[in-house]
Amino acid sequence: MSMIMVGAMMGMFMIPIANMATTTAKSRSVLQARILYESEIDRLRRLWSIDQQNFDAIMPHNDKCEFNRDVDLNSGFESHGYTTDGEGFNAHVTCYFGTEYAGGEDVVLAYPASDKNPGQYQDLNLDGFEDTTGLPTHYDQCYAGWKGDGFKYTSCDIGTTYVIPMYQPMYNAMDPADLANARAK
């Protein structure tokens, strides 16, 4: 009799524990799919901010993600296509982990502010810092000090190789004589 009681007690505890393990595995798969999706979207945003040329040819970084280039509108996913429009680039990304997925909806990668509002950035004093925000306009190697508080004219020339891409149009639009004078400092 005591063995039957022990067996019944074990059964009472094992069923909820097994259900909890199944639920935990499912939520872990959902979390993994979501992490893959978020990292793919972050990567796309970074790439979009650098260069928008031939953006629809970029392949997914992770083999568990796919870019739905030819979205079946009968699949239940509403999509505006994997292409550019007046707002930016419509990316349609889905990431899978096991049987779970994340994404499957359009994400608009907005055009950088400098493309929407040309001339928004300015460095009129040519000190290597954007005048409105005070942010550096060149990569780290062009600045001195641990805070990057001084432009190193010995390492970099204003408006040349090490310009952050979103600031390049600003320097391209400047008078070459002004840039040459700034480089002579």
Protein backbone atom coordinates (compact mmCIF):
# COMPACT_ATOMS: atom_id res chain seq x y z
CA MET A 1 0.00 0.00 0.00
CA SER A 2 2.77 2.41 0.84
CA MET A 3 4.35 1.86 -2.59
CA ILE A 4 1.07 2.80 -4.23
CA MET A 5 0.90 5.98 -2.15
CA VAL A 6 4.48 6.87 -3.03
CA GLY A 7 3.74 6.28 -6.72
CA ALA A 8 0.61 8.44 -6.55
CA MET A 9 2.49 11.23 -4.78
CA MET A 10 5.29 11.09 -7.36
CA GLY A 11 2.72 11.29 -10.16
CA MET A 12 1.09 14.33 -8.56
CA PHE A 13 4.40 16.16 -8.54
CA MET A 14 5.82 14.98 -11.87
CA ILE A 15 2.95 16.13 -14.10
CA PRO A 16 3.18 19.84 -13.08
CA ILE A 17 6.99 19.74 -13.26
CA ALA A 18 6.84 18.28 -16.80
CA ASN A 19 4.32 20.97 -17.85
CA MET A 20 6.56 23.67 -16.38
CA ALA A 21 9.57 22.34 -18.31
CA THR A 22 7.60 22.43 -21.58
CA THR A 23 6.43 26.00 -20.91
CA THR A 24 9.96 27.08 -20.02
CA ALA A 25 11.37 25.60 -23.25
CA LYS A 26 8.71 27.38 -25.32
CA SER A 27 9.30 30.76 -23.67
CA ARG A 28 13.05 30.30 -24.11
CA SER A 29 12.54 29.67 -27.84
CA VAL A 30 10.39 32.79 -28.11
CA LEU A 31 13.08 34.80 -26.30
CA GLN A 32 15.85 33.44 -28.55
CA ALA A 33 13.85 34.26 -31.69
CA ARG A 34 13.17 37.78 -30.38
CA ILE A 35 16.88 38.36 -29.62
CA LEU A 36 17.85 37.22 -33.12
CA TYR A 37 15.20 39.50 -34.62
CA GLU A 38 16.26 42.55 -32.59
CA SER A 39 19.93 42.04 -33.46
CA GLU A 40 19.10 41.73 -37.16
CA ILE A 41 17.02 44.94 -37.06
CA ASP A 42 19.81 46.78 -35.20
CA ARG A 43 22.31 45.60 -37.82
CA LEU A 44 20.03 46.78 -40.64
CA ARG A 45 19.58 50.19 -39.00
CA ARG A 46 23.35 50.59 -38.65
CA LEU A 47 23.98 49.57 -42.27
CA TRP A 48 21.15 51.82 -43.51
CA SER A 49 22.61 54.83 -41.70
CA ILE A 50 25.99 54.28 -43.36
CA ASP A 51 24.98 53.57 -46.96
CA GLN A 52 21.62 53.20 -48.66
CA GLN A 53 22.95 52.02 -52.03
CA ASN A 54 21.76 48.55 -53.15
CA PHE A 55 20.33 47.99 -49.69
CA ASP A 56 17.81 45.44 -50.91
CA ALA A 57 20.70 43.11 -51.86
CA ILE A 58 21.94 42.73 -48.27
CA MET A 59 21.68 39.19 -46.92
CA PRO A 60 20.70 38.24 -43.34
CA HIS A 61 23.59 37.96 -40.90
CA ASN A 62 22.12 34.91 -39.15
CA ASP A 63 20.89 31.78 -40.91
CA LYS A 64 17.88 31.62 -38.56
CA CYS A 65 16.57 34.90 -39.99
CA GLU A 66 15.13 35.65 -43.39
CA PHE A 67 14.28 38.80 -45.28
CA ASN A 68 10.85 38.36 -46.79
CA ARG A 69 11.56 40.02 -50.12
CA ASP A 70 8.54 38.55 -51.90
CA VAL A 71 5.93 38.69 -49.19
CA ASP A 72 2.80 36.67 -49.85
CA LEU A 73 0.03 39.08 -48.98
CA ASN A 74 -2.31 36.10 -48.44
CA SER A 75 -0.11 34.76 -45.63
CA GLY A 76 -1.64 37.00 -43.00
CA PHE A 77 1.32 39.38 -42.94
CA GLU A 78 0.53 42.88 -44.13
CA SER A 79 3.49 44.26 -46.04
CA HIS A 80 4.37 47.22 -48.18
CA GLY A 81 7.21 45.27 -49.79
CA TYR A 82 10.94 45.07 -49.22
CA THR A 83 11.80 48.39 -50.83
CA THR A 84 12.21 52.13 -50.31
CA ASP A 85 9.41 54.65 -50.11
CA GLY A 86 9.04 58.27 -48.99
CA GLU A 87 9.70 57.36 -45.34
CA GLY A 88 12.75 55.14 -45.78
CA PHE A 89 13.33 51.44 -46.36
CA ASN A 90 10.63 48.87 -45.57
CA ALA A 91 12.40 45.84 -44.14
CA HIS A 92 10.39 42.69 -43.59
CA VAL A 93 12.37 40.35 -41.30
CA THR A 94 11.38 37.10 -39.59
CA CYS A 95 13.65 35.11 -37.25
CA TYR A 96 12.99 31.53 -36.16
CA PHE A 97 14.20 29.50 -33.21
CA GLY A 98 12.78 26.01 -33.11
CA THR A 99 9.10 26.31 -33.94
CA GLU A 100 8.80 29.86 -32.60
CA TYR A 101 9.31 33.04 -34.61
CA ALA A 102 9.65 36.78 -34.06
CA GLY A 103 9.09 39.60 -36.51
CA GLY A 104 7.12 39.06 -39.67
CA GLU A 105 6.03 42.70 -39.87
CA ASP A 106 7.37 45.70 -41.75
CA VAL A 107 9.98 47.79 -40.01
CA VAL A 108 10.67 51.20 -41.54
CA LEU A 109 14.33 52.22 -41.50
CA ALA A 110 13.99 55.99 -41.73
CA TYR A 111 16.21 58.08 -43.96
CA PRO A 112 18.99 59.77 -41.97
CA ALA A 113 18.09 63.30 -40.88
CA SER A 114 20.75 64.79 -43.14
CA ASP A 115 19.04 63.24 -46.19
CA LYS A 116 15.62 64.59 -45.20
CA ASN A 117 16.92 68.04 -44.23
CA PRO A 118 20.02 68.87 -46.27
CA GLY A 119 22.27 71.39 -44.60
CA GLN A 120 21.06 70.48 -41.14
CA TYR A 121 24.63 69.73 -40.02
CA GLN A 122 27.23 72.45 -40.02
CA ASP A 123 30.81 72.95 -38.92
CA LEU A 124 31.29 76.58 -39.87
CA ASN A 125 34.41 77.07 -37.73
CA LEU A 126 35.93 73.84 -39.17
CA ASP A 127 37.02 72.54 -35.78
CA GLY A 128 35.87 68.95 -36.39
CA PHE A 129 32.76 69.27 -34.23
CA GLU A 130 29.19 69.79 -35.40
CA ASP A 131 28.16 73.33 -34.37
CA THR A 132 24.66 72.57 -33.02
CA THR A 133 25.26 69.35 -31.11
CA GLY A 134 28.99 69.58 -30.46
CA LEU A 135 29.40 65.98 -31.61
CA PRO A 136 32.58 64.94 -33.42
CA THR A 137 32.28 64.80 -37.20
CA HIS A 138 35.24 62.45 -37.70
CA TYR A 139 36.20 59.03 -36.31
CA ASP A 140 38.00 58.62 -32.96
CA GLN A 141 41.58 58.60 -34.28
CA CYS A 142 41.18 62.28 -35.26
CA TYR A 143 40.75 63.52 -31.69
CA ALA A 144 43.13 63.95 -28.75
CA GLY A 145 42.53 63.29 -25.08
CA TRP A 146 40.43 60.69 -23.36
CA LYS A 147 37.26 62.72 -23.97
CA GLY A 148 38.10 63.44 -27.61
CA ASP A 149 38.11 67.15 -26.87
CA GLY A 150 40.60 68.34 -29.46
CA PHE A 151 40.96 67.72 -33.19
CA LYS A 152 44.42 66.37 -34.10
CA TYR A 153 45.42 68.12 -37.31
CA THR A 154 48.59 65.99 -37.46
CA SER A 155 46.57 62.77 -37.79
CA CYS A 156 43.60 63.88 -39.86
CA ASP A 157 42.57 66.47 -42.39
CA ILE A 158 39.18 68.11 -41.97
CA GLY A 159 36.64 66.66 -44.38
CA THR A 160 38.76 63.81 -45.80
CA THR A 161 39.21 60.10 -45.10
CA TYR A 162 37.99 59.78 -41.51
CA VAL A 163 34.72 61.74 -41.78
CA ILE A 164 31.69 59.94 -40.32
CA PRO A 165 29.52 59.20 -43.41
CA MET A 166 26.49 61.23 -42.31
CA TYR A 167 28.67 64.37 -42.13
CA GLN A 168 30.41 63.83 -45.51
CA PRO A 169 27.82 65.80 -47.56
CA MET A 170 28.36 68.79 -45.26
CA TYR A 171 32.10 68.86 -46.02
CA ASN A 172 31.54 68.11 -49.73
CA ALA A 173 29.34 71.22 -49.98
CA MET A 174 31.99 73.51 -48.41
CA ASP A 175 34.34 75.77 -50.30
CA PRO A 176 37.59 73.85 -51.02
CA ALA A 177 39.64 76.94 -50.14
CA ASP A 178 38.11 77.04 -46.64
CA LEU A 179 38.89 73.36 -46.14
CA ALA A 180 42.47 73.88 -47.33
CA ASN A 181 42.91 76.74 -44.83
CA ALA A 182 41.55 74.55 -42.02
CA ARG A 183 43.95 71.76 -43.01
CA ALA A 184 46.88 74.18 -42.89
CA LYS A 185 46.37 74.80 -39.15
